[in-house]
Amino acid sequence: MWTCPKCGREFKRTNQSHYCGKAPESVDEYIELQIPEARAYVVELRNLILRCVPAVKEQIAWSMPVYKKDKFSISFAACNKHISLYVDTNVLEIFKSQLSAFTIRKNAVYLPYEKELPIKIIEKIIKQSVEEIT
């Protein structure tokens, strides 16, 4: 077991990424709380989702930004070394070959800060996610 020295929560994995303290109440607050390396990525993902999915509802759930419209849902979380982008597993499977330079786990793709965001692929993922549920 590992105990976070900041908040005292216990985790099975050493240095488990998590949010210490009270959850942010808005995406703007979430962005402000991020490490400098993450902020630009978070803002870019947010803007991309808002641009690709008109009238999407933006909210905080599970201490991270979540975007919903009808049955469509996509979310992301800033971690120590990467952004985790959460989408439907079927959609990730479609783009698996195009994401070969990135780690994929279950319904998430890890986008490390040392790499440029694959904007064109993410845009396709978002649009495919919307199509999958309509």
Protein backbone atom coordinates (compact mmCIF):
# COMPACT_ATOMS: atom_id res chain seq x y z
CA MET A 1 0.00 0.00 0.00
CA TRP A 2 1.12 3.53 -0.76
CA THR A 3 -0.10 6.57 1.18
CA CYS A 4 -0.18 9.97 -0.52
CA PRO A 5 1.93 12.35 1.56
CA LYS A 6 -0.37 15.29 0.68
CA CYS A 7 -3.85 13.95 1.36
CA GLY A 8 -3.22 10.73 3.30
CA ARG A 9 -5.30 8.50 0.97
CA GLU A 10 -4.09 4.93 0.54
CA PHE A 11 -3.61 3.23 -2.84
CA LYS A 12 -2.49 -0.20 -4.02
CA ARG A 13 -0.04 1.30 -6.55
CA THR A 14 2.93 3.43 -5.50
CA ASN A 15 2.60 7.06 -6.66
CA GLN A 16 -0.96 6.46 -7.87
CA SER A 17 -2.22 9.51 -9.78
CA HIS A 18 -5.18 11.09 -8.06
CA TYR A 19 -6.62 14.42 -7.06
CA CYS A 20 -5.87 15.55 -3.51
CA GLY A 21 -8.55 17.58 -1.81
CA LYS A 22 -11.90 18.95 -2.88
CA ALA A 23 -12.94 18.24 -6.46
CA PRO A 24 -12.98 21.24 -8.79
CA GLU A 25 -16.42 22.69 -9.45
CA SER A 26 -15.81 23.70 -13.07
CA VAL A 27 -13.52 22.84 -15.96
CA ASP A 28 -11.94 26.28 -15.65
CA GLU A 29 -11.05 25.49 -12.03
CA TYR A 30 -9.79 22.04 -13.11
CA ILE A 31 -7.46 23.69 -15.64
CA GLU A 32 -6.12 26.13 -13.04
CA LEU A 33 -5.25 23.25 -10.70
CA GLN A 34 -3.13 21.39 -13.26
CA ILE A 35 0.64 21.29 -13.45
CA PRO A 36 2.05 23.65 -16.11
CA GLU A 37 2.93 20.75 -18.46
CA ALA A 38 -0.71 19.64 -18.51
CA ARG A 39 -2.54 22.95 -18.91
CA ALA A 40 -1.95 23.46 -22.64
CA TYR A 41 -3.00 19.86 -23.38
CA VAL A 42 -6.15 20.14 -21.28
CA VAL A 43 -7.16 23.43 -22.92
CA GLU A 44 -6.49 22.02 -26.39
CA LEU A 45 -8.58 18.89 -25.72
CA ARG A 46 -11.39 20.93 -24.22
CA ASN A 47 -11.50 23.28 -27.22
CA LEU A 48 -11.38 20.37 -29.66
CA ILE A 49 -14.33 18.60 -28.00
CA LEU A 50 -16.38 21.81 -27.81
CA ARG A 51 -15.66 22.50 -31.49
CA CYS A 52 -16.47 18.95 -32.69
CA VAL A 53 -19.65 18.40 -30.69
CA PRO A 54 -22.05 21.36 -30.83
CA ALA A 55 -24.23 21.82 -27.74
CA VAL A 56 -22.20 19.33 -25.68
CA LYS A 57 -22.68 19.64 -21.92
CA GLU A 58 -19.45 20.26 -20.02
CA GLN A 59 -19.26 19.16 -16.37
CA ILE A 60 -16.99 17.78 -13.69
CA ALA A 61 -17.52 14.16 -12.68
CA TRP A 62 -15.07 11.86 -10.89
CA SER A 63 -12.94 15.04 -10.38
CA MET A 64 -12.30 15.38 -14.13
CA PRO A 65 -13.90 17.08 -17.17
CA VAL A 66 -16.71 15.08 -18.76
CA TYR A 67 -18.57 16.03 -21.94
CA LYS A 68 -22.04 14.65 -22.65
CA LYS A 69 -24.66 15.01 -25.34
CA ASP A 70 -27.51 12.52 -25.46
CA LYS A 71 -25.70 9.15 -25.07
CA PHE A 72 -22.33 10.55 -26.19
CA SER A 73 -19.73 10.82 -23.43
CA ILE A 74 -16.02 11.59 -23.48
CA SER A 75 -13.72 12.62 -20.67
CA PHE A 76 -10.09 13.21 -19.86
CA ALA A 77 -7.84 13.47 -16.85
CA ALA A 78 -4.48 15.13 -16.43
CA CYS A 79 -1.99 12.78 -14.81
CA ASN A 80 1.65 13.28 -13.82
CA LYS A 81 3.14 12.33 -17.20
CA HIS A 82 0.18 12.13 -19.57
CA ILE A 83 -3.45 12.96 -20.31
CA SER A 84 -5.84 10.01 -20.17
CA LEU A 85 -8.53 10.39 -22.83
CA TYR A 86 -11.54 8.17 -22.08
CA VAL A 87 -13.80 7.03 -24.92
CA ASP A 88 -15.83 3.96 -25.87
CA THR A 89 -13.70 0.82 -26.26
CA ASN A 90 -15.25 0.10 -29.68
CA VAL A 91 -14.11 3.49 -30.94
CA LEU A 92 -10.59 2.98 -29.60
CA GLU A 93 -10.45 -0.36 -31.40
CA ILE A 94 -11.25 1.37 -34.71
CA PHE A 95 -8.32 3.77 -34.27
CA LYS A 96 -5.92 1.34 -32.60
CA SER A 97 -3.48 1.23 -35.54
CA GLN A 98 -3.40 5.03 -35.80
CA LEU A 99 -2.66 5.22 -32.07
CA SER A 100 0.20 2.71 -32.14
CA ALA A 101 2.62 5.36 -30.81
CA PHE A 102 0.50 5.68 -27.64
CA THR A 103 -0.46 3.40 -24.76
CA ILE A 104 -4.05 2.18 -24.77
CA ARG A 105 -5.66 0.70 -21.66
CA LYS A 106 -9.28 -0.49 -21.68
CA ASN A 107 -11.24 2.63 -22.65
CA ALA A 108 -8.38 5.14 -22.41
CA VAL A 109 -5.53 6.35 -24.55
CA TYR A 110 -2.55 7.89 -22.74
CA LEU A 111 -1.24 11.05 -24.37
CA PRO A 112 2.20 11.83 -22.89
CA TYR A 113 3.24 15.44 -22.41
CA GLU A 114 6.51 14.90 -24.27
CA LYS A 115 4.57 14.13 -27.48
CA GLU A 116 2.44 16.51 -29.49
CA LEU A 117 -1.28 15.82 -29.27
CA PRO A 118 -2.48 13.88 -32.32
CA ILE A 119 -5.21 16.43 -33.02
CA LYS A 120 -6.44 14.94 -36.33
CA ILE A 121 -6.80 11.47 -34.82
CA ILE A 122 -8.50 12.79 -31.67
CA GLU A 123 -10.90 14.77 -33.83
CA LYS A 124 -11.77 11.57 -35.75
CA ILE A 125 -12.21 9.69 -32.46
CA ILE A 126 -14.61 12.34 -31.16
CA LYS A 127 -16.65 12.36 -34.37
CA GLN A 128 -16.74 8.54 -34.49
CA SER A 129 -17.85 8.48 -30.84
CA VAL A 130 -20.78 10.76 -31.68
CA GLU A 131 -21.73 8.60 -34.70
CA GLU A 132 -21.56 5.38 -32.66
CA ILE A 133 -24.39 6.49 -30.39
CA THR A 134 -26.70 8.12 -32.95
